[in-house]
Amino acid sequence: MGTHVIKMPDIGEGIAEVELSQWHVKVGDMVVEDQVLADVMTDKAMVDIPSPVHGKVIALGGQPGEVMAVGSELIRIEVEGAGNLRETASVVVAESACEPVSVAPPKVDVSVVAEAKPQAAPVPGVKRSLEARSTRQADDRPLASPAVRKRALDAGIELRFVQGSGPAGIIRHEDLDAYIEQSQQASAAPVAAYAERNVEQQIPVIGLRRKIAQRMQDATRRAAHFSYVEEVDVTALEELRVHLNEKWGASRGKLTLLPFLVRAMVVALRDFPQINARYDDEAQIITRHGAVHVGVATQSDNGLMVPVVRHAEARSLWANAEEISRLASAARTGKASREEMSGSTITLTSLGALGGIVSTPVLNLPEVAIVGVNRIVERPMVIKGQIVIRKMMNLSSSFDHRVVDGMDAAQFIQAIRGLLEQPATLFVE
């Protein structure tokens, strides 16, 4: 047997160090070639680190949240044959002299221990869920298909609490069913209405959450934010969207509101190039872009991510809709590449049905504008002296006052408003 040492790879783009976000394996696990061992976080994206070999994990080189230099030892795997330890012997010895290799405690087969004690037969699937709560660590990333992840997200279920019965612990639909059944049974038990709750939970700010915190703090510290809110009558737009979906939804795909908003931004930016820009405040250079690369803020299990619809100005309504859907799915499942997560020139953010009345979105630096969308509500409006029910929506947008003047920002949002209220103008060249 030999030892194969995997070092932190050079991810490119001049990156000298990355943050170890989470492990997908632990000491003692058997791994196969191409199995994902860990996630590391750069300034732009989450990157999977796969195994190049088959073998057994014998040492981990860091803890989640630790910033590691490119080239440092990430993991050791025991393999058949000589391994590659000899090639890195001098480095390994030096590192080992400074810090002992940690060894995980022996793995306990929970099912064997449970069977040793007489107990009532549990509801199918409940035993697995109980074991998951006690054995899966908070920073373990559950293995599940996109369909299972979406179903769990829609149901408000944290997958880290669900034990998977598939190969390598993959969570299946039946595992979700068992967890839901158990939760329903637990919720049926009487609970004291005014019982004290003294539970505390400490959650380390690491990985994507740390990057989000750093970027939000940096954006509010460096940019001079100001927000502008305007209401939009989207009654005609919604009628058009419903009509297009009824006529072409089956063949071209269903349209949400987002591709119409992207189209409105593309058209309005023709007259406001100073808003489709990025500001390098260190070099004191504003770069105005002809291409409209729209970042679409997307909520994932790990936090807020912003995949980028490139060249939105060159895409049709349905092409933008398809790209938004594809990128959102890639971001939520952790499959988005670094290129898909960087290079936006303006960002669109929406909380969907939870959009509220007004919001004050934070800029996605180095961009100078972000367009926020609030929910659509029916309200009585006065039109030509008559009170009528209209579908209304607010646009809550923020700008960098260092670059964008208030008048320009207001006129830009008013231009978007005009396009959305008269949706035929979205397609008049």
Protein backbone atom coordinates (compact mmCIF):
# COMPACT_ATOMS: atom_id res chain seq x y z
CA MET A 1 0.00 0.00 0.00
CA GLY A 2 1.11 3.57 -0.65
CA THR A 3 -0.01 7.11 0.09
CA HIS A 4 -1.31 9.59 -2.49
CA VAL A 5 -1.09 13.24 -1.41
CA ILE A 6 -3.49 15.67 -3.04
CA LYS A 7 -2.49 19.30 -2.84
CA MET A 8 -4.65 22.37 -3.17
CA PRO A 9 -4.75 22.86 -6.95
CA ASP A 10 -4.02 26.07 -8.80
CA ILE A 11 -7.52 27.19 -9.76
CA GLY A 12 -6.20 29.94 -12.02
CA GLU A 13 -6.91 33.67 -12.37
CA GLY A 14 -3.89 34.47 -10.19
CA ILE A 15 -5.52 33.04 -7.06
CA ALA A 16 -2.90 32.26 -4.40
CA GLU A 17 -5.20 31.00 -1.65
CA VAL A 18 -8.72 29.69 -1.27
CA GLU A 19 -11.08 28.92 1.58
CA LEU A 20 -11.84 25.30 2.38
CA SER A 21 -15.64 25.41 2.45
CA GLN A 22 -16.62 21.87 3.33
CA TRP A 23 -15.54 18.26 3.22
CA HIS A 24 -17.57 15.56 1.50
CA VAL A 25 -15.46 12.80 3.05
CA LYS A 26 -13.92 11.98 6.42
CA VAL A 27 -11.00 9.92 7.66
CA GLY A 28 -11.69 6.26 7.05
CA ASP A 29 -13.97 6.75 4.04
CA MET A 30 -13.34 4.79 0.85
CA VAL A 31 -13.32 7.02 -2.23
CA VAL A 32 -13.31 6.39 -5.95
CA GLU A 33 -11.81 8.29 -8.85
CA ASP A 34 -13.67 11.51 -9.72
CA GLN A 35 -15.60 11.49 -6.42
CA VAL A 36 -15.86 15.01 -5.00
CA LEU A 37 -13.70 15.28 -1.89
CA ALA A 38 -14.16 18.89 -0.89
CA ASP A 39 -15.54 22.27 -1.90
CA VAL A 40 -13.28 25.30 -1.91
CA MET A 41 -14.40 28.89 -2.28
CA THR A 42 -12.69 31.53 -4.39
CA ASP A 43 -13.75 35.15 -4.67
CA LYS A 44 -15.97 34.19 -7.60
CA ALA A 45 -17.33 30.69 -7.18
CA MET A 46 -17.45 27.39 -5.35
CA VAL A 47 -15.10 24.80 -6.87
CA ASP A 48 -15.32 21.02 -6.44
CA ILE A 49 -12.08 19.12 -5.77
CA PRO A 50 -12.37 15.56 -7.15
CA SER A 51 -10.24 12.57 -6.29
CA PRO A 52 -7.79 11.41 -8.99
CA VAL A 53 -7.47 7.97 -7.38
CA HIS A 54 -9.29 5.12 -5.63
CA GLY A 55 -8.42 4.55 -2.01
CA LYS A 56 -9.04 5.23 1.67
CA VAL A 57 -8.89 8.66 3.30
CA ILE A 58 -6.23 8.68 6.03
CA ALA A 59 -5.78 12.41 6.77
CA LEU A 60 -7.47 15.73 6.07
CA GLY A 61 -5.35 18.84 5.63
CA GLY A 62 -7.64 21.52 7.04
CA GLN A 63 -10.91 22.46 8.66
CA PRO A 64 -13.93 24.10 6.97
CA GLY A 65 -13.46 27.86 7.03
CA GLU A 66 -9.67 27.62 6.89
CA VAL A 67 -7.88 29.64 4.20
CA MET A 68 -5.31 27.45 2.47
CA ALA A 69 -2.53 28.35 0.09
CA VAL A 70 -2.39 26.86 -3.38
CA GLY A 71 0.01 23.91 -3.23
CA SER A 72 -0.61 23.11 0.44
CA GLU A 73 -1.55 19.56 1.42
CA LEU A 74 -5.31 19.01 1.14
CA ILE A 75 -5.81 15.30 1.79
CA ARG A 76 -3.97 11.98 2.00
CA ILE A 77 -5.40 8.80 0.50
CA GLU A 78 -4.10 5.28 1.01
CA VAL A 79 -3.90 3.57 -2.38
CA GLU A 80 -2.80 0.32 -3.96
CA GLY A 81 0.77 0.57 -5.16
CA ALA A 82 3.46 3.11 -4.35
CA GLY A 83 1.34 6.26 -4.41
CA ASN A 84 3.01 9.64 -4.92
CA LEU A 85 4.27 10.33 -1.40
CA ARG A 86 7.90 9.84 -2.41
CA GLU A 87 7.67 12.74 -4.84
CA THR A 88 6.59 15.10 -2.04
CA ALA A 89 8.46 13.49 0.84
CA SER A 90 10.43 16.60 1.85
CA VAL A 91 7.32 18.74 1.97
CA VAL A 92 5.27 16.16 3.84
CA VAL A 93 7.93 15.57 6.49
CA ALA A 94 8.29 19.28 7.10
CA GLU A 95 4.55 19.73 7.49
CA SER A 96 4.17 16.64 9.67
CA ALA A 97 6.92 17.87 12.02
CA CYS A 98 4.88 20.98 12.74
CA GLU A 99 1.48 19.38 13.11
CA PRO A 100 0.52 15.78 13.90
CA VAL A 101 -1.78 13.98 11.52
CA SER A 102 -5.23 13.71 13.06
CA VAL A 103 -6.97 10.37 13.11
CA ALA A 104 -10.75 10.14 13.30
CA PRO A 105 -12.36 8.01 16.00
CA PRO A 106 -13.50 4.57 14.89
CA LYS A 107 -16.74 4.53 12.97
CA VAL A 108 -19.65 3.07 14.91
CA ASP A 109 -22.37 1.14 13.16
CA VAL A 110 -25.42 2.81 14.70
CA SER A 111 -27.78 0.16 13.38
CA VAL A 112 -25.85 -2.63 15.17
CA VAL A 113 -25.86 -0.73 18.46
CA ALA A 114 -29.56 -0.04 18.13
CA GLU A 115 -30.36 -3.68 17.49
CA ALA A 116 -28.48 -4.74 20.63
CA LYS A 117 -31.14 -3.05 22.77
CA PRO A 118 -34.78 -4.18 22.74
CA GLN A 119 -37.05 -1.38 21.52
CA ALA A 120 -40.32 -0.79 19.76
CA ALA A 121 -40.20 -1.08 15.99
CA PRO A 122 -39.95 2.45 14.53
CA VAL A 123 -42.00 3.80 11.68
CA PRO A 124 -40.20 2.93 8.39
CA GLY A 125 -37.69 5.65 7.60
CA VAL A 126 -37.91 7.33 11.01
CA LYS A 127 -34.93 5.44 12.41
CA ARG A 128 -32.76 6.63 9.54
CA SER A 129 -33.79 10.24 10.09
CA LEU A 130 -33.03 10.06 13.80
CA GLU A 131 -29.59 8.66 13.04
CA ALA A 132 -29.00 11.46 10.53
CA ARG A 133 -29.65 14.12 13.12
CA SER A 134 -27.04 12.66 15.42
CA THR A 135 -24.38 11.62 12.91
CA ARG A 136 -24.33 14.18 10.09
CA GLN A 137 -22.29 17.28 10.83
CA ALA A 138 -23.58 20.77 10.09
CA ASP A 139 -20.97 21.32 7.40
CA ASP A 140 -21.58 18.01 5.61
CA ARG A 141 -23.12 18.57 2.19
CA PRO A 142 -26.02 16.16 1.60
CA LEU A 143 -25.94 14.16 -1.62
CA ALA A 144 -29.16 14.47 -3.60
CA SER A 145 -30.42 14.93 -7.14
CA PRO A 146 -31.62 18.38 -8.33
CA ALA A 147 -35.23 17.12 -8.21
CA VAL A 148 -34.89 16.04 -4.58
CA ARG A 149 -33.15 19.32 -3.68
CA LYS A 150 -35.92 21.35 -5.28
CA ARG A 151 -38.62 19.33 -3.56
CA ALA A 152 -36.88 19.80 -0.21
CA LEU A 153 -36.43 23.53 -0.85
CA ASP A 154 -40.10 23.93 -1.72
CA ALA A 155 -41.08 22.05 1.45
CA GLY A 156 -38.69 24.04 3.64
CA ILE A 157 -36.67 20.94 4.58
CA GLU A 158 -32.96 21.11 5.39
CA LEU A 159 -31.43 18.10 3.68
CA ARG A 160 -28.68 17.79 6.28
CA PHE A 161 -31.32 16.39 8.65
CA VAL A 162 -32.40 13.69 6.18
CA GLN A 163 -30.55 10.38 6.03
CA GLY A 164 -30.10 9.00 2.53
CA SER A 165 -30.58 5.34 1.78
CA GLY A 166 -28.95 5.37 -1.66
CA PRO A 167 -25.34 4.61 -2.61
CA ALA A 168 -22.86 6.81 -0.72
CA GLY A 169 -25.77 8.15 1.34
CA ILE A 170 -27.62 9.76 -1.57
CA ILE A 171 -30.99 11.11 -0.44
CA ARG A 172 -33.90 9.72 -2.46
CA HIS A 173 -37.53 10.76 -2.72
CA GLU A 174 -38.58 7.96 -0.39
CA ASP A 175 -36.15 9.30 2.22
CA LEU A 176 -37.88 12.66 2.01
CA ASP A 177 -41.26 10.91 2.34
CA ALA A 178 -40.08 9.17 5.51
CA TYR A 179 -38.72 12.41 6.97
CA ILE A 180 -41.95 14.28 6.20
CA GLU A 181 -44.01 11.50 7.80
CA GLN A 182 -41.84 11.63 10.91
CA SER A 183 -42.10 15.42 11.08
CA GLN A 184 -45.86 15.27 10.82
CA GLN A 185 -46.02 12.74 13.62
CA ALA A 186 -43.77 14.89 15.78
CA SER A 187 -45.80 18.02 15.11
CA ALA A 188 -48.95 16.21 16.18
CA ALA A 189 -47.57 15.79 19.69
CA PRO A 190 -48.90 18.37 22.18
CA VAL A 191 -46.52 21.25 22.85
CA ALA A 192 -46.84 23.68 25.72
CA ALA A 193 -47.89 27.00 24.26
CA TYR A 194 -45.79 29.08 26.63
CA ALA A 195 -42.89 26.76 27.42
CA GLU A 196 -39.49 28.38 27.74
CA ARG A 197 -37.01 27.62 24.99
CA ASN A 198 -33.37 28.03 25.92
CA VAL A 199 -31.74 26.28 22.97
CA GLU A 200 -28.81 28.14 21.42
CA GLN A 201 -27.09 27.30 18.17
CA GLN A 202 -23.69 28.59 17.09
CA ILE A 203 -23.21 28.61 13.32
CA PRO A 204 -19.71 29.30 11.94
CA VAL A 205 -19.65 31.87 9.15
CA ILE A 206 -17.64 30.01 6.54
CA GLY A 207 -17.66 29.18 2.85
CA LEU A 208 -20.22 30.94 0.70
CA ARG A 209 -21.87 32.59 3.72
CA ARG A 210 -18.55 34.22 4.63
CA LYS A 211 -18.05 35.44 1.07
CA ILE A 212 -21.57 36.88 1.00
CA ALA A 213 -20.98 38.67 4.30
CA GLN A 214 -17.67 40.08 3.12
CA ARG A 215 -19.06 41.27 -0.22
CA MET A 216 -22.14 42.87 1.35
CA GLN A 217 -20.06 44.66 3.96
CA ASP A 218 -17.55 45.76 1.33
CA ALA A 219 -20.31 47.04 -0.95
CA THR A 220 -22.01 49.12 1.75
CA ARG A 221 -18.68 50.47 2.99
CA ARG A 222 -17.23 51.47 -0.37
CA ALA A 223 -20.19 52.53 -2.50
CA ALA A 224 -22.44 55.54 -1.89
CA HIS A 225 -25.78 53.75 -2.08
CA PHE A 226 -29.04 55.44 -2.88
CA SER A 227 -32.32 53.77 -3.73
CA TYR A 228 -35.19 54.79 -5.97
CA VAL A 229 -38.65 53.21 -5.87
CA GLU A 230 -41.36 53.48 -8.52
CA GLU A 231 -44.62 51.60 -9.03
CA VAL A 232 -45.43 49.99 -12.36
CA ASP A 233 -48.78 48.93 -13.80
CA VAL A 234 -48.06 45.47 -15.19
CA THR A 235 -51.65 44.56 -16.11
CA ALA A 236 -50.99 44.63 -19.87
CA LEU A 237 -47.64 42.90 -19.43
CA GLU A 238 -49.23 40.06 -17.48
CA GLU A 239 -51.93 39.68 -20.13
CA LEU A 240 -49.24 39.43 -22.80
CA ARG A 241 -47.22 36.92 -20.76
CA VAL A 242 -50.28 34.69 -20.22
CA HIS A 243 -51.17 34.90 -23.92
CA LEU A 244 -47.65 33.96 -25.04
CA ASN A 245 -47.55 31.03 -22.64
CA GLU A 246 -50.90 29.74 -23.84
CA LYS A 247 -49.83 29.99 -27.47
CA TRP A 248 -46.19 28.91 -27.35
CA GLY A 249 -45.51 27.64 -23.84
CA ALA A 250 -45.62 23.99 -24.85
CA SER A 251 -43.13 24.42 -27.68
CA ARG A 252 -40.91 27.28 -26.49
CA GLY A 253 -41.17 27.05 -22.72
CA LYS A 254 -43.08 29.03 -20.12
CA LEU A 255 -42.23 32.69 -19.60
CA THR A 256 -41.93 34.21 -16.14
CA LEU A 257 -41.72 37.94 -15.49
CA LEU A 258 -37.91 37.94 -15.39
CA PRO A 259 -37.15 37.73 -19.14
CA PHE A 260 -39.48 40.71 -19.73
CA LEU A 261 -37.59 42.67 -17.09
CA VAL A 262 -34.28 41.72 -18.67
CA ARG A 263 -35.58 42.87 -22.04
CA ALA A 264 -36.76 46.18 -20.57
CA MET A 265 -33.35 46.74 -18.97
CA VAL A 266 -31.57 45.98 -22.26
CA VAL A 267 -33.71 48.47 -24.18
CA ALA A 268 -33.53 51.20 -21.51
CA LEU A 269 -29.74 50.90 -21.16
CA ARG A 270 -29.30 52.03 -24.77
CA ASP A 271 -30.08 55.55 -23.57
CA PHE A 272 -28.28 55.20 -20.22
CA PRO A 273 -24.83 53.68 -20.89
CA GLN A 274 -23.51 55.20 -17.65
CA ILE A 275 -25.65 52.71 -15.73
CA ASN A 276 -24.40 49.60 -17.56
CA ALA A 277 -20.97 50.12 -16.07
CA ARG A 278 -18.38 48.88 -13.60
CA TYR A 279 -16.38 51.21 -11.37
CA ASP A 280 -12.82 50.35 -10.36
CA ASP A 281 -12.54 52.73 -7.41
CA GLU A 282 -8.90 51.83 -6.78
CA ALA A 283 -7.81 52.71 -10.32
CA GLN A 284 -10.49 55.45 -10.52
CA ILE A 285 -11.75 54.13 -13.86
CA ILE A 286 -15.35 53.71 -15.00
CA THR A 287 -15.85 51.14 -17.75
CA ARG A 288 -19.07 51.45 -19.72
CA HIS A 289 -20.10 48.23 -21.44
CA GLY A 290 -21.91 47.80 -24.71
CA ALA A 291 -22.72 44.20 -23.86
CA VAL A 292 -25.41 43.69 -21.24
CA HIS A 293 -24.35 40.88 -18.94
CA VAL A 294 -27.22 40.60 -16.46
CA GLY A 295 -26.53 39.05 -13.07
CA VAL A 296 -29.66 37.31 -11.77
CA ALA A 297 -29.63 37.04 -7.98
CA THR A 298 -30.53 33.44 -7.08
CA GLN A 299 -31.17 31.91 -3.68
CA SER A 300 -29.53 28.52 -3.13
CA ASP A 301 -29.29 26.15 -0.16
CA ASN A 302 -25.90 27.69 0.64
CA GLY A 303 -26.87 31.35 0.23
CA LEU A 304 -27.29 34.06 -2.37
CA MET A 305 -25.53 33.53 -5.70
CA VAL A 306 -25.49 35.68 -8.85
CA PRO A 307 -25.11 33.71 -12.11
CA VAL A 308 -24.72 35.82 -15.22
CA VAL A 309 -26.84 35.89 -18.39
CA ARG A 310 -24.22 36.94 -20.93
CA HIS A 311 -25.12 39.13 -23.88
CA ALA A 312 -28.75 39.48 -22.89
CA GLU A 313 -29.02 42.13 -25.62
CA ALA A 314 -28.44 39.46 -28.28
CA ARG A 315 -30.99 36.94 -26.97
CA SER A 316 -34.68 36.62 -27.70
CA LEU A 317 -37.30 36.64 -24.95
CA TRP A 318 -37.39 32.84 -24.83
CA ALA A 319 -33.62 32.50 -25.09
CA ASN A 320 -33.20 34.74 -22.05
CA ALA A 321 -35.89 32.78 -20.21
CA GLU A 322 -34.15 29.49 -20.96
CA GLU A 323 -30.76 30.85 -19.89
CA ILE A 324 -32.14 32.28 -16.65
CA SER A 325 -33.70 28.91 -15.81
CA ARG A 326 -30.54 26.99 -16.68
CA LEU A 327 -28.27 29.24 -14.65
CA ALA A 328 -30.60 29.28 -11.64
CA SER A 329 -30.66 25.49 -11.61
CA ALA A 330 -26.85 25.32 -11.95
CA ALA A 331 -26.40 27.79 -9.08
CA ARG A 332 -28.83 25.98 -6.77
CA THR A 333 -27.20 22.60 -7.38
CA GLY A 334 -23.65 23.93 -7.12
CA LYS A 335 -22.89 23.18 -10.78
CA ALA A 336 -22.32 26.75 -11.99
CA SER A 337 -18.82 27.39 -13.31
CA ARG A 338 -16.60 30.34 -12.37
CA GLU A 339 -17.30 31.92 -15.75
CA GLU A 340 -21.04 31.67 -15.18
CA MET A 341 -20.70 33.40 -11.82
CA SER A 342 -18.64 36.43 -12.84
CA GLY A 343 -18.52 39.35 -15.26
CA SER A 344 -21.99 40.88 -14.81
CA THR A 345 -22.48 44.55 -15.72
CA ILE A 346 -25.83 45.07 -13.95
CA THR A 347 -27.86 42.88 -11.60
CA LEU A 348 -31.54 41.97 -11.39
CA THR A 349 -32.85 40.80 -8.03
CA SER A 350 -36.30 39.52 -7.14
CA LEU A 351 -37.85 37.93 -4.07
CA GLY A 352 -40.74 36.61 -6.15
CA ALA A 353 -43.95 36.17 -4.18
CA LEU A 354 -42.09 37.35 -1.04
CA GLY A 355 -41.03 40.58 -2.73
CA GLY A 356 -42.78 42.86 -0.26
CA ILE A 357 -43.71 46.45 -1.02
CA VAL A 358 -40.27 48.09 -0.97
CA SER A 359 -36.70 46.82 -0.66
CA THR A 360 -33.27 48.44 -0.73
CA PRO A 361 -30.98 46.00 -2.58
CA VAL A 362 -27.22 46.15 -2.04
CA LEU A 363 -25.01 46.75 -5.07
CA ASN A 364 -23.07 43.88 -6.59
CA LEU A 365 -19.71 45.65 -6.80
CA PRO A 366 -18.06 46.76 -9.01
CA GLU A 367 -21.40 47.33 -10.77
CA VAL A 368 -23.10 50.69 -10.25
CA ALA A 369 -26.78 49.61 -10.44
CA ILE A 370 -29.08 46.85 -9.27
CA VAL A 371 -32.75 46.60 -10.24
CA GLY A 372 -35.00 45.08 -7.58
CA VAL A 373 -38.47 43.65 -8.18
CA ASN A 374 -41.25 43.48 -5.61
CA ARG A 375 -44.34 41.31 -5.75
CA ILE A 376 -47.35 41.95 -7.98
CA VAL A 377 -50.53 42.93 -6.14
CA GLU A 378 -53.98 43.97 -7.29
CA ARG A 379 -54.87 47.50 -6.20
CA PRO A 380 -57.61 50.00 -7.00
CA MET A 381 -56.25 52.72 -9.28
CA VAL A 382 -57.82 55.85 -10.75
CA ILE A 383 -57.66 55.84 -14.56
CA LYS A 384 -59.46 58.58 -16.52
CA GLY A 385 -61.55 59.39 -13.50
CA GLN A 386 -62.63 55.79 -12.93
CA ILE A 387 -61.57 53.45 -10.13
CA VAL A 388 -60.36 50.18 -11.65
CA ILE A 389 -58.46 47.16 -10.37
CA ARG A 390 -54.93 46.94 -11.81
CA LYS A 391 -51.96 44.66 -11.25
CA MET A 392 -49.25 46.81 -9.69
CA MET A 393 -45.60 46.10 -8.93
CA ASN A 394 -42.85 48.22 -7.41
CA LEU A 395 -39.31 48.49 -8.73
CA SER A 396 -36.91 49.08 -5.82
CA SER A 397 -33.49 49.78 -7.26
CA SER A 398 -30.15 50.98 -5.90
CA PHE A 399 -27.32 52.92 -7.52
CA ASP A 400 -23.77 54.02 -6.76
CA HIS A 401 -24.03 57.78 -6.28
CA ARG A 402 -20.31 58.12 -6.98
CA VAL A 403 -21.02 57.28 -10.59
CA VAL A 404 -24.77 57.61 -11.20
CA ASP A 405 -26.59 60.90 -10.67
CA GLY A 406 -30.04 60.83 -9.10
CA MET A 407 -31.70 62.27 -12.19
CA ASP A 408 -30.16 59.63 -14.44
CA ALA A 409 -31.25 56.85 -12.10
CA ALA A 410 -34.83 58.15 -11.95
CA GLN A 411 -35.03 58.55 -15.72
CA PHE A 412 -33.64 55.04 -16.22
CA ILE A 413 -36.30 53.49 -13.97
CA GLN A 414 -38.99 55.61 -15.62
CA ALA A 415 -37.83 54.28 -19.00
CA ILE A 416 -38.18 50.71 -17.73
CA ARG A 417 -41.59 51.57 -16.34
CA GLY A 418 -42.77 52.92 -19.71
CA LEU A 419 -41.59 49.81 -21.52
CA LEU A 420 -43.31 47.46 -19.07
CA GLU A 421 -46.58 49.39 -19.08
CA GLN A 422 -46.63 49.42 -22.89
CA PRO A 423 -45.11 45.97 -23.52
CA ALA A 424 -45.33 46.20 -27.32
CA THR A 425 -42.56 48.82 -27.15
CA LEU A 426 -40.21 46.15 -25.80
CA PHE A 427 -39.98 44.70 -29.27
CA VAL A 428 -40.04 47.85 -31.46
CA GLU A 429 -36.63 48.53 -32.96
